[in-house]
Amino acid sequence: QADQARPQRSRLDVAKGIAACALQVAVQGGDRFGLLTVNATQVQPVPAGGGARHRDRCLLALDATHGSGTWPDAARLSPAWNLLAPRSLVLLLSDCFDEAVVEMAEKLAAAGRDVCIVQVLMADERDFPYRGGHLFVDTETDATLLGDADALRDDYLQRFAEARAALQARCARAGIRFTSHVADAPMDAPLQSLFAASGRSA
């Protein structure tokens, strides 16, 4: 998904940029880090390592990642759990619109991982800039909705705000640090929000 104002930059591109920032912070902090990319067809891990060369391996894996379909089932994700050591910090980048993503984050937190979520949103989702008759397409399922954008706007914005507030409250109950990032904000903003106040490294 991309914004009308910047159709060349997708949500996945934004998530990749935030992940690249986090990798660089880890290198500068001398931390070990890994990467796990997930789409409908594969769960691709880069096991933990350290240093600039390992960062570059992670960046290459990020560059090769493509978005497709919905979140995979628990059976396909289970091997990834072994890569996430107890007490490790997990930075999860997602739009969090799939219930299975949030459920996995809750399970990881309950199992002793320090889980942080960055909900990656697009400016069009926040602002609903559409006018007149519009065909809305779900980019994951291809489901469509034809409607009048002006008539839908107020209800959409209210529901969207309520959903974001509910997700934030749910994360707080599970002990998950949460922030949302809209694509038109500075790329390092979510990391600043999650870690700067506590003085912890990402």
N, C-alpha and C. Protein backbone atom coordinates (compact mmCIF):
# COMPACT_ATOMS: atom_id res chain seq x y z
N GLN A 1 0.85 -1.18 0.00
CA GLN A 1 0.00 0.00 0.00
C GLN A 1 0.89 1.24 0.00
N ALA A 2 0.42 2.27 -0.74
CA ALA A 2 1.16 3.53 -0.82
C ALA A 2 0.19 4.68 -0.74
N ASP A 3 0.71 5.86 -0.42
CA ASP A 3 -0.12 7.07 -0.37
C ASP A 3 -0.29 7.65 -1.77
N GLN A 4 -1.42 8.33 -1.98
CA GLN A 4 -1.65 8.98 -3.27
C GLN A 4 -0.56 10.00 -3.58
N ALA A 5 -0.08 10.71 -2.54
CA ALA A 5 0.92 11.75 -2.75
C ALA A 5 2.30 11.17 -3.07
N ARG A 6 2.57 9.95 -2.62
CA ARG A 6 3.87 9.32 -2.87
C ARG A 6 3.67 7.87 -3.29
N PRO A 7 3.11 7.64 -4.47
CA PRO A 7 2.79 6.27 -4.89
C PRO A 7 4.00 5.37 -5.08
N GLN A 8 5.19 5.96 -5.15
CA GLN A 8 6.40 5.16 -5.35
C GLN A 8 6.92 4.57 -4.04
N ARG A 9 6.37 4.98 -2.89
CA ARG A 9 6.87 4.49 -1.60
C ARG A 9 5.75 3.74 -0.88
N SER A 10 5.95 2.46 -0.66
CA SER A 10 4.94 1.62 -0.03
C SER A 10 5.13 1.54 1.47
N ARG A 11 4.15 0.94 2.13
CA ARG A 11 4.28 0.68 3.57
C ARG A 11 5.50 -0.20 3.85
N LEU A 12 5.72 -1.18 2.99
CA LEU A 12 6.88 -2.05 3.18
C LEU A 12 8.18 -1.26 3.07
N ASP A 13 8.25 -0.31 2.15
CA ASP A 13 9.44 0.54 2.04
C ASP A 13 9.69 1.31 3.34
N VAL A 14 8.61 1.83 3.92
CA VAL A 14 8.74 2.57 5.18
C VAL A 14 9.24 1.65 6.29
N ALA A 15 8.65 0.46 6.38
CA ALA A 15 9.08 -0.50 7.40
C ALA A 15 10.54 -0.89 7.21
N LYS A 16 10.97 -1.07 5.98
CA LYS A 16 12.37 -1.39 5.71
C LYS A 16 13.28 -0.26 6.18
N GLY A 17 12.86 0.98 5.96
CA GLY A 17 13.67 2.11 6.40
C GLY A 17 13.82 2.15 7.92
N ILE A 18 12.74 1.90 8.64
CA ILE A 18 12.81 1.88 10.10
C ILE A 18 13.71 0.74 10.57
N ALA A 19 13.57 -0.42 9.93
CA ALA A 19 14.42 -1.57 10.29
C ALA A 19 15.89 -1.24 10.04
N ALA A 20 16.19 -0.57 8.94
CA ALA A 20 17.58 -0.20 8.65
C ALA A 20 18.12 0.75 9.72
N CYS A 21 17.28 1.68 10.18
CA CYS A 21 17.70 2.58 11.27
C CYS A 21 18.03 1.77 12.52
N ALA A 22 17.17 0.80 12.85
CA ALA A 22 17.39 -0.01 14.05
C ALA A 22 18.67 -0.83 13.93
N LEU A 23 18.94 -1.36 12.75
CA LEU A 23 20.18 -2.12 12.54
C LEU A 23 21.40 -1.24 12.77
N GLN A 24 21.35 -0.01 12.28
CA GLN A 24 22.49 0.89 12.44
C GLN A 24 22.69 1.26 13.91
N VAL A 25 21.59 1.48 14.63
CA VAL A 25 21.69 1.77 16.06
C VAL A 25 22.34 0.59 16.80
N ALA A 26 21.94 -0.63 16.42
CA ALA A 26 22.52 -1.81 17.06
C ALA A 26 24.02 -1.92 16.79
N VAL A 27 24.43 -1.64 15.55
CA VAL A 27 25.85 -1.67 15.23
C VAL A 27 26.61 -0.65 16.06
N GLN A 28 26.09 0.56 16.14
CA GLN A 28 26.78 1.62 16.89
C GLN A 28 26.82 1.30 18.38
N GLY A 29 25.84 0.55 18.88
CA GLY A 29 25.82 0.19 20.29
C GLY A 29 26.60 -1.07 20.62
N GLY A 30 27.15 -1.72 19.59
CA GLY A 30 27.90 -2.96 19.81
C GLY A 30 27.03 -4.13 20.18
N ASP A 31 25.74 -4.08 19.82
CA ASP A 31 24.79 -5.14 20.18
C ASP A 31 24.76 -6.24 19.12
N ARG A 32 24.36 -7.43 19.54
CA ARG A 32 24.05 -8.50 18.60
C ARG A 32 22.62 -8.31 18.11
N PHE A 33 22.38 -8.67 16.86
CA PHE A 33 21.06 -8.45 16.28
C PHE A 33 20.83 -9.44 15.15
N GLY A 34 19.59 -9.68 14.86
CA GLY A 34 19.20 -10.52 13.74
C GLY A 34 17.99 -9.94 13.06
N LEU A 35 17.44 -10.68 12.11
CA LEU A 35 16.32 -10.19 11.33
C LEU A 35 15.42 -11.37 11.00
N LEU A 36 14.12 -11.12 11.05
CA LEU A 36 13.16 -12.14 10.66
C LEU A 36 12.11 -11.45 9.78
N THR A 37 12.05 -11.82 8.52
CA THR A 37 11.06 -11.26 7.61
C THR A 37 10.00 -12.31 7.32
N VAL A 38 8.75 -11.84 7.27
CA VAL A 38 7.61 -12.75 7.17
C VAL A 38 6.66 -12.25 6.09
N ASN A 39 6.26 -13.15 5.20
CA ASN A 39 5.13 -12.85 4.32
C ASN A 39 4.31 -14.13 4.15
N ALA A 40 3.39 -14.14 3.23
CA ALA A 40 2.46 -15.26 3.11
C ALA A 40 3.15 -16.56 2.70
N THR A 41 4.29 -16.45 2.03
CA THR A 41 4.93 -17.64 1.47
C THR A 41 6.20 -18.07 2.17
N GLN A 42 6.80 -17.20 2.99
CA GLN A 42 8.05 -17.59 3.62
C GLN A 42 8.28 -16.88 4.95
N VAL A 43 9.03 -17.56 5.81
CA VAL A 43 9.54 -16.98 7.05
C VAL A 43 11.05 -17.05 6.93
N GLN A 44 11.70 -15.91 6.73
CA GLN A 44 13.12 -15.88 6.38
C GLN A 44 13.95 -15.27 7.51
N PRO A 45 14.72 -16.10 8.23
CA PRO A 45 15.53 -15.55 9.32
C PRO A 45 16.96 -15.23 8.90
N VAL A 46 17.52 -14.22 9.54
CA VAL A 46 18.96 -13.98 9.53
C VAL A 46 19.37 -14.08 11.01
N PRO A 47 20.02 -15.18 11.42
CA PRO A 47 20.34 -15.37 12.84
C PRO A 47 21.20 -14.25 13.40
N ALA A 48 21.20 -14.15 14.71
CA ALA A 48 21.88 -13.04 15.39
C ALA A 48 23.38 -13.05 15.12
N GLY A 49 23.90 -11.86 14.96
CA GLY A 49 25.33 -11.65 14.80
C GLY A 49 25.64 -10.22 15.20
N GLY A 50 26.80 -9.75 14.82
CA GLY A 50 27.16 -8.38 15.19
C GLY A 50 28.08 -7.76 14.16
N GLY A 51 28.18 -6.43 14.22
CA GLY A 51 29.13 -5.72 13.37
C GLY A 51 28.53 -5.27 12.05
N ALA A 52 29.33 -4.49 11.33
CA ALA A 52 28.88 -3.87 10.09
C ALA A 52 28.62 -4.89 8.99
N ARG A 53 29.41 -5.94 8.92
CA ARG A 53 29.20 -6.94 7.88
C ARG A 53 27.88 -7.67 8.10
N HIS A 54 27.57 -7.96 9.37
CA HIS A 54 26.29 -8.61 9.65
C HIS A 54 25.13 -7.67 9.35
N ARG A 55 25.29 -6.38 9.66
CA ARG A 55 24.27 -5.40 9.29
C ARG A 55 24.01 -5.44 7.79
N ASP A 56 25.08 -5.52 7.00
CA ASP A 56 24.92 -5.54 5.55
C ASP A 56 24.19 -6.79 5.09
N ARG A 57 24.45 -7.94 5.76
CA ARG A 57 23.70 -9.14 5.42
C ARG A 57 22.21 -8.94 5.68
N CYS A 58 21.90 -8.31 6.81
CA CYS A 58 20.50 -8.04 7.13
C CYS A 58 19.88 -7.07 6.13
N LEU A 59 20.63 -6.07 5.71
CA LEU A 59 20.12 -5.11 4.74
C LEU A 59 19.84 -5.78 3.39
N LEU A 60 20.70 -6.70 3.00
CA LEU A 60 20.46 -7.43 1.75
C LEU A 60 19.19 -8.27 1.86
N ALA A 61 18.98 -8.90 3.02
CA ALA A 61 17.76 -9.68 3.22
C ALA A 61 16.53 -8.78 3.21
N LEU A 62 16.65 -7.61 3.81
CA LEU A 62 15.54 -6.65 3.78
C LEU A 62 15.21 -6.24 2.35
N ASP A 63 16.24 -5.96 1.58
CA ASP A 63 16.04 -5.51 0.21
C ASP A 63 15.33 -6.57 -0.63
N ALA A 64 15.58 -7.84 -0.31
CA ALA A 64 14.98 -8.94 -1.07
C ALA A 64 13.57 -9.29 -0.60
N THR A 65 13.10 -8.64 0.45
CA THR A 65 11.80 -8.97 1.02
C THR A 65 10.67 -8.31 0.23
N HIS A 66 9.63 -9.09 -0.02
CA HIS A 66 8.46 -8.60 -0.74
C HIS A 66 7.21 -8.86 0.10
N GLY A 67 6.26 -7.95 0.05
CA GLY A 67 5.00 -8.14 0.75
C GLY A 67 4.06 -8.99 -0.07
N SER A 68 3.39 -9.94 0.60
CA SER A 68 2.41 -10.76 -0.11
C SER A 68 1.46 -11.41 0.88
N GLY A 69 0.18 -11.28 0.60
CA GLY A 69 -0.83 -12.02 1.33
C GLY A 69 -0.96 -11.70 2.79
N THR A 70 -1.49 -12.64 3.54
CA THR A 70 -1.77 -12.46 4.96
C THR A 70 -0.71 -13.15 5.81
N TRP A 71 -0.82 -12.96 7.12
CA TRP A 71 0.13 -13.52 8.07
C TRP A 71 0.07 -15.04 8.05
N PRO A 72 1.23 -15.74 8.07
CA PRO A 72 1.21 -17.21 8.05
C PRO A 72 0.72 -17.78 9.37
N ASP A 73 0.34 -19.04 9.34
CA ASP A 73 -0.19 -19.67 10.56
C ASP A 73 0.93 -19.99 11.54
N ALA A 74 0.52 -20.37 12.76
CA ALA A 74 1.47 -20.59 13.85
C ALA A 74 2.48 -21.70 13.53
N ALA A 75 2.04 -22.72 12.81
CA ALA A 75 2.93 -23.85 12.49
C ALA A 75 4.11 -23.38 11.64
N ARG A 76 3.86 -22.49 10.71
CA ARG A 76 4.95 -22.01 9.86
C ARG A 76 5.85 -21.04 10.59
N LEU A 77 5.31 -20.38 11.60
CA LEU A 77 6.11 -19.42 12.36
C LEU A 77 6.92 -20.06 13.48
N SER A 78 6.54 -21.26 13.90
CA SER A 78 7.14 -21.85 15.10
C SER A 78 8.66 -21.97 15.06
N PRO A 79 9.30 -22.29 13.91
CA PRO A 79 10.77 -22.36 13.92
C PRO A 79 11.43 -21.04 14.29
N ALA A 80 10.75 -19.93 14.02
CA ALA A 80 11.34 -18.63 14.31
C ALA A 80 11.48 -18.39 15.81
N TRP A 81 10.62 -19.03 16.60
CA TRP A 81 10.68 -18.82 18.05
C TRP A 81 12.04 -19.20 18.61
N ASN A 82 12.66 -20.24 18.05
CA ASN A 82 13.95 -20.70 18.56
C ASN A 82 15.06 -19.68 18.35
N LEU A 83 14.84 -18.74 17.43
CA LEU A 83 15.85 -17.72 17.16
C LEU A 83 15.76 -16.55 18.13
N LEU A 84 14.67 -16.47 18.88
CA LEU A 84 14.44 -15.33 19.76
C LEU A 84 14.74 -15.77 21.20
N ALA A 85 15.95 -15.52 21.62
CA ALA A 85 16.39 -15.97 22.94
C ALA A 85 15.57 -15.30 24.04
N PRO A 86 15.42 -15.98 25.18
CA PRO A 86 14.73 -15.35 26.31
C PRO A 86 15.39 -14.02 26.68
N ARG A 87 14.57 -13.06 27.03
CA ARG A 87 14.99 -11.72 27.43
C ARG A 87 15.53 -10.89 26.26
N SER A 88 15.43 -11.41 25.04
CA SER A 88 15.86 -10.61 23.89
C SER A 88 14.83 -9.52 23.60
N LEU A 89 15.31 -8.47 22.97
CA LEU A 89 14.43 -7.38 22.57
C LEU A 89 13.92 -7.67 21.16
N VAL A 90 12.62 -7.62 21.00
CA VAL A 90 11.99 -7.88 19.70
C VAL A 90 11.32 -6.60 19.22
N LEU A 91 11.77 -6.08 18.10
CA LEU A 91 11.16 -4.90 17.48
C LEU A 91 10.31 -5.38 16.31
N LEU A 92 9.00 -5.28 16.45
CA LEU A 92 8.08 -5.80 15.46
C LEU A 92 7.50 -4.65 14.64
N LEU A 93 7.67 -4.71 13.33
CA LEU A 93 7.17 -3.68 12.41
C LEU A 93 6.03 -4.26 11.60
N SER A 94 4.85 -3.66 11.73
CA SER A 94 3.67 -4.17 11.04
C SER A 94 2.58 -3.10 11.05
N ASP A 95 1.58 -3.26 10.18
CA ASP A 95 0.41 -2.39 10.32
C ASP A 95 -0.51 -2.87 11.45
N CYS A 96 -0.28 -4.10 11.91
CA CYS A 96 -1.04 -4.69 13.03
C CYS A 96 -2.53 -4.84 12.71
N PHE A 97 -2.89 -4.89 11.45
CA PHE A 97 -4.28 -5.09 11.09
C PHE A 97 -4.67 -6.56 11.10
N ASP A 98 -3.68 -7.43 11.16
CA ASP A 98 -3.93 -8.87 11.23
C ASP A 98 -3.87 -9.30 12.69
N GLU A 99 -4.93 -9.89 13.18
CA GLU A 99 -5.00 -10.31 14.58
C GLU A 99 -3.85 -11.23 14.97
N ALA A 100 -3.41 -12.07 14.05
CA ALA A 100 -2.34 -13.03 14.35
C ALA A 100 -1.04 -12.33 14.69
N VAL A 101 -0.79 -11.15 14.14
CA VAL A 101 0.44 -10.41 14.45
C VAL A 101 0.44 -9.99 15.91
N VAL A 102 -0.67 -9.44 16.37
CA VAL A 102 -0.76 -8.97 17.75
C VAL A 102 -0.73 -10.16 18.71
N GLU A 103 -1.38 -11.24 18.35
CA GLU A 103 -1.35 -12.44 19.20
C GLU A 103 0.07 -12.96 19.36
N MET A 104 0.86 -12.96 18.28
CA MET A 104 2.25 -13.41 18.39
C MET A 104 3.03 -12.49 19.30
N ALA A 105 2.83 -11.19 19.19
CA ALA A 105 3.53 -10.24 20.06
C ALA A 105 3.18 -10.50 21.52
N GLU A 106 1.92 -10.76 21.80
CA GLU A 106 1.50 -11.05 23.18
C GLU A 106 2.16 -12.33 23.70
N LYS A 107 2.25 -13.34 22.87
CA LYS A 107 2.88 -14.60 23.27
C LYS A 107 4.37 -14.40 23.53
N LEU A 108 5.02 -13.63 22.70
CA LEU A 108 6.44 -13.36 22.90
C LEU A 108 6.67 -12.61 24.21
N ALA A 109 5.81 -11.63 24.48
CA ALA A 109 5.95 -10.87 25.73
C ALA A 109 5.70 -11.75 26.93
N ALA A 110 4.70 -12.63 26.84
CA ALA A 110 4.39 -13.54 27.95
C ALA A 110 5.52 -14.54 28.19
N ALA A 111 6.30 -14.82 27.14
CA ALA A 111 7.42 -15.76 27.25
C ALA A 111 8.72 -15.08 27.65
N GLY A 112 8.65 -13.81 28.04
CA GLY A 112 9.83 -13.14 28.59
C GLY A 112 10.62 -12.29 27.63
N ARG A 113 10.14 -12.13 26.40
CA ARG A 113 10.82 -11.23 25.48
C ARG A 113 10.39 -9.79 25.74
N ASP A 114 11.29 -8.86 25.49
CA ASP A 114 10.99 -7.44 25.61
C ASP A 114 10.48 -6.98 24.24
N VAL A 115 9.17 -6.92 24.09
CA VAL A 115 8.57 -6.70 22.78
C VAL A 115 8.20 -5.23 22.60
N CYS A 116 8.59 -4.69 21.45
CA CYS A 116 8.22 -3.33 21.05
C CYS A 116 7.54 -3.42 19.69
N ILE A 117 6.45 -2.73 19.54
CA ILE A 117 5.73 -2.71 18.27
C ILE A 117 5.77 -1.31 17.68
N VAL A 118 6.11 -1.24 16.40
CA VAL A 118 5.92 -0.02 15.63
C VAL A 118 4.80 -0.32 14.63
N GLN A 119 3.66 0.32 14.83
CA GLN A 119 2.56 0.18 13.87
C GLN A 119 2.82 1.15 12.72
N VAL A 120 3.07 0.61 11.56
CA VAL A 120 3.42 1.42 10.39
C VAL A 120 2.15 1.76 9.62
N LEU A 121 1.84 3.04 9.56
CA LEU A 121 0.62 3.53 8.91
C LEU A 121 0.96 4.45 7.76
N MET A 122 0.04 4.56 6.84
CA MET A 122 0.20 5.47 5.71
C MET A 122 -0.57 6.76 6.00
N ALA A 123 -0.13 7.85 5.38
CA ALA A 123 -0.79 9.14 5.61
C ALA A 123 -2.25 9.11 5.14
N ASP A 124 -2.53 8.38 4.07
CA ASP A 124 -3.90 8.30 3.58
C ASP A 124 -4.82 7.61 4.59
N GLU A 125 -4.28 6.64 5.32
CA GLU A 125 -5.08 5.98 6.37
C GLU A 125 -5.42 6.95 7.49
N ARG A 126 -4.47 7.79 7.83
CA ARG A 126 -4.68 8.77 8.89
C ARG A 126 -5.62 9.89 8.45
N ASP A 127 -5.48 10.36 7.21
CA ASP A 127 -6.16 11.57 6.77
C ASP A 127 -7.42 11.31 5.95
N PHE A 128 -7.52 10.15 5.35
CA PHE A 128 -8.64 9.81 4.44
C PHE A 128 -8.90 10.96 3.46
N PRO A 129 -7.96 11.20 2.53
CA PRO A 129 -8.05 12.37 1.65
C PRO A 129 -8.94 12.17 0.42
N TYR A 130 -9.63 11.05 0.35
CA TYR A 130 -10.39 10.71 -0.86
C TYR A 130 -11.64 11.58 -0.99
N ARG A 131 -12.07 11.78 -2.23
CA ARG A 131 -13.24 12.60 -2.53
C ARG A 131 -14.12 11.88 -3.55
N GLY A 132 -15.42 12.05 -3.37
CA GLY A 132 -16.37 11.52 -4.35
C GLY A 132 -16.40 10.00 -4.39
N GLY A 133 -16.91 9.48 -5.50
CA GLY A 133 -16.97 8.03 -5.66
C GLY A 133 -15.57 7.43 -5.71
N HIS A 134 -15.38 6.36 -4.96
CA HIS A 134 -14.03 5.78 -4.87
C HIS A 134 -14.14 4.27 -4.70
N LEU A 135 -13.25 3.55 -5.38
CA LEU A 135 -13.16 2.11 -5.21
C LEU A 135 -12.00 1.81 -4.28
N PHE A 136 -12.30 1.27 -3.11
CA PHE A 136 -11.28 0.90 -2.13
C PHE A 136 -10.94 -0.57 -2.31
N VAL A 137 -9.64 -0.88 -2.33
CA VAL A 137 -9.18 -2.25 -2.56
C VAL A 137 -8.28 -2.68 -1.42
N ASP A 138 -8.59 -3.81 -0.80
CA ASP A 138 -7.72 -4.39 0.22
C ASP A 138 -6.54 -5.03 -0.49
N THR A 139 -5.33 -4.51 -0.24
CA THR A 139 -4.16 -4.98 -0.99
C THR A 139 -3.74 -6.39 -0.61
N GLU A 140 -4.24 -6.92 0.50
CA GLU A 140 -3.88 -8.29 0.90
C GLU A 140 -4.87 -9.31 0.37
N THR A 141 -6.16 -8.99 0.40
CA THR A 141 -7.19 -9.96 0.02
C THR A 141 -7.85 -9.65 -1.32
N ASP A 142 -7.60 -8.45 -1.86
CA ASP A 142 -8.24 -7.97 -3.09
C ASP A 142 -9.73 -7.71 -2.93
N ALA A 143 -10.24 -7.72 -1.70
CA ALA A 143 -11.63 -7.35 -1.47
C ALA A 143 -11.83 -5.89 -1.84
N THR A 144 -13.00 -5.55 -2.35
CA THR A 144 -13.25 -4.18 -2.81
C THR A 144 -14.49 -3.59 -2.14
N LEU A 145 -14.50 -2.28 -2.06
CA LEU A 145 -15.65 -1.54 -1.56
C LEU A 145 -15.82 -0.29 -2.41
N LEU A 146 -16.96 -0.16 -3.05
CA LEU A 146 -17.26 1.02 -3.84
C LEU A 146 -18.18 1.92 -3.01
N GLY A 147 -17.75 3.16 -2.77
CA GLY A 147 -18.56 4.03 -1.93
C GLY A 147 -18.24 5.49 -2.17
N ASP A 148 -19.03 6.34 -1.54
CA ASP A 148 -18.82 7.78 -1.60
C ASP A 148 -17.90 8.18 -0.46
N ALA A 149 -16.70 8.64 -0.80
CA ALA A 149 -15.69 8.93 0.22
C ALA A 149 -16.15 10.01 1.18
N ASP A 150 -16.84 11.02 0.69
CA ASP A 150 -17.29 12.11 1.56
C ASP A 150 -18.28 11.61 2.61
N ALA A 151 -19.13 10.67 2.22
CA ALA A 151 -20.10 10.12 3.16
C ALA A 151 -19.45 9.17 4.17
N LEU A 152 -18.36 8.54 3.75
CA LEU A 152 -17.70 7.55 4.61
C LEU A 152 -16.70 8.17 5.58
N ARG A 153 -16.22 9.39 5.31
CA ARG A 153 -15.06 9.94 5.99
C ARG A 153 -15.20 9.97 7.51
N ASP A 154 -16.23 10.60 8.03
CA ASP A 154 -16.34 10.80 9.48
C ASP A 154 -16.39 9.48 10.23
N ASP A 155 -17.17 8.54 9.70
CA ASP A 155 -17.28 7.24 10.36
C ASP A 155 -15.95 6.50 10.32
N TYR A 156 -15.28 6.56 9.16
CA TYR A 156 -13.97 5.91 9.04
C TYR A 156 -12.98 6.48 10.05
N LEU A 157 -12.86 7.80 10.11
CA LEU A 157 -11.88 8.43 10.99
C LEU A 157 -12.15 8.09 12.45
N GLN A 158 -13.42 8.05 12.83
CA GLN A 158 -13.75 7.68 14.21
C GLN A 158 -13.37 6.23 14.50
N ARG A 159 -13.73 5.34 13.60
CA ARG A 159 -13.40 3.91 13.79
C ARG A 159 -11.89 3.68 13.80
N PHE A 160 -11.19 4.39 12.92
CA PHE A 160 -9.75 4.22 12.85
C PHE A 160 -9.08 4.69 14.14
N ALA A 161 -9.51 5.82 14.67
CA ALA A 161 -8.96 6.31 15.93
C ALA A 161 -9.26 5.35 17.07
N GLU A 162 -10.47 4.81 17.11
CA GLU A 162 -10.84 3.87 18.15
C GLU A 162 -10.01 2.59 18.06
N ALA A 163 -9.76 2.12 16.84
CA ALA A 163 -8.96 0.91 16.66
C ALA A 163 -7.53 1.12 17.12
N ARG A 164 -6.96 2.29 16.82
CA ARG A 164 -5.60 2.58 17.25
C ARG A 164 -5.51 2.67 18.77
N ALA A 165 -6.49 3.30 19.39
CA ALA A 165 -6.50 3.41 20.85
C ALA A 165 -6.65 2.04 21.50
N ALA A 166 -7.50 1.20 20.92
CA ALA A 166 -7.70 -0.14 21.47
C ALA A 166 -6.43 -0.98 21.36
N LEU A 167 -5.72 -0.86 20.25
CA LEU A 167 -4.47 -1.59 20.08
C LEU A 167 -3.43 -1.12 21.08
N GLN A 168 -3.32 0.18 21.27
CA GLN A 168 -2.36 0.70 22.24
C GLN A 168 -2.67 0.21 23.64
N ALA A 169 -3.94 0.20 24.02
CA ALA A 169 -4.34 -0.28 25.35
C ALA A 169 -4.05 -1.77 25.50
N ARG A 170 -4.30 -2.52 24.45
CA ARG A 170 -4.03 -3.96 24.49
C ARG A 170 -2.54 -4.24 24.68
N CYS A 171 -1.71 -3.49 23.99
CA CYS A 171 -0.27 -3.66 24.14
C CYS A 171 0.17 -3.30 25.56
N ALA A 172 -0.38 -2.24 26.10
CA ALA A 172 -0.03 -1.84 27.47
C ALA A 172 -0.37 -2.95 28.46
N ARG A 173 -1.51 -3.58 28.29
CA ARG A 173 -1.91 -4.67 29.19
C ARG A 173 -0.94 -5.85 29.10
N ALA A 174 -0.38 -6.06 27.93
CA ALA A 174 0.53 -7.19 27.73
C ALA A 174 1.98 -6.85 28.06
N GLY A 175 2.24 -5.60 28.46
CA GLY A 175 3.61 -5.18 28.74
C GLY A 175 4.44 -4.95 27.49
N ILE A 176 3.77 -4.63 26.40
CA ILE A 176 4.43 -4.37 25.12
C ILE A 176 4.57 -2.87 24.92
N ARG A 177 5.78 -2.41 24.64
CA ARG A 177 5.95 -0.99 24.29
C ARG A 177 5.44 -0.76 22.87
N PHE A 178 4.69 0.30 22.69
CA PHE A 178 3.99 0.51 21.43
C PHE A 178 4.14 1.96 20.97
N THR A 179 4.34 2.12 19.68
CA THR A 179 4.24 3.44 19.07
C THR A 179 3.73 3.26 17.66
N SER A 180 3.12 4.28 17.11
CA SER A 180 2.70 4.22 15.72
C SER A 180 3.55 5.21 14.92
N HIS A 181 3.75 4.88 13.66
CA HIS A 181 4.56 5.71 12.78
C HIS A 181 3.80 5.91 11.48
N VAL A 182 3.59 7.17 11.11
CA VAL A 182 2.94 7.49 9.84
C VAL A 182 4.01 7.81 8.81
N ALA A 183 3.81 7.39 7.60
CA ALA A 183 4.85 7.40 6.57
C ALA A 183 5.44 8.77 6.29
N ASP A 184 4.70 9.84 6.60
CA ASP A 184 5.25 11.17 6.32
C ASP A 184 6.05 11.75 7.47
N ALA A 185 6.28 10.98 8.53
CA ALA A 185 7.08 11.42 9.67
C ALA A 185 8.55 11.02 9.45
N PRO A 186 9.50 11.65 10.17
CA PRO A 186 10.90 11.26 10.06
C PRO A 186 11.11 9.79 10.36
N MET A 187 12.01 9.14 9.62
CA MET A 187 12.19 7.70 9.70
C MET A 187 12.63 7.23 11.08
N ASP A 188 13.39 8.08 11.81
CA ASP A 188 13.88 7.65 13.11
C ASP A 188 12.90 7.95 14.25
N ALA A 189 11.77 8.56 13.94
CA ALA A 189 10.84 8.98 14.99
C ALA A 189 10.36 7.84 15.87
N PRO A 190 10.00 6.67 15.31
CA PRO A 190 9.51 5.61 16.21
C PRO A 190 10.58 5.07 17.16
N LEU A 191 11.83 5.02 16.71
CA LEU A 191 12.89 4.57 17.60
C LEU A 191 13.14 5.58 18.70
N GLN A 192 13.06 6.86 18.35
CA GLN A 192 13.19 7.90 19.37
C GLN A 192 12.07 7.75 20.40
N SER A 193 10.86 7.51 19.91
CA SER A 193 9.71 7.39 20.81
C SER A 193 9.86 6.20 21.75
N LEU A 194 10.34 5.08 21.23
CA LEU A 194 10.42 3.87 22.03
C LEU A 194 11.60 3.86 22.99
N PHE A 195 12.73 4.43 22.58
CA PHE A 195 13.97 4.21 23.34
C PHE A 195 14.62 5.45 23.91
N ALA A 196 14.38 6.62 23.34
CA ALA A 196 15.13 7.80 23.79
C ALA A 196 14.84 8.16 25.23
N ALA A 197 13.58 8.09 25.61
CA ALA A 197 13.22 8.50 26.98
C ALA A 197 13.82 7.60 28.03
N SER A 198 13.95 6.31 27.71
CA SER A 198 14.48 5.36 28.69
C SER A 198 15.99 5.28 28.67
N GLY A 199 16.59 5.85 27.61
CA GLY A 199 18.05 5.78 27.50
C GLY A 199 18.54 4.44 27.01
N ARG A 200 17.61 3.53 26.65
CA ARG A 200 18.01 2.22 26.17
C ARG A 200 18.35 2.28 24.69
N SER A 201 19.22 1.39 24.26
CA SER A 201 19.51 1.30 22.84
C SER A 201 18.49 0.40 22.19
N ALA A 202 18.32 0.59 20.89
CA ALA A 202 17.41 -0.28 20.13
C ALA A 202 18.15 -1.54 19.71
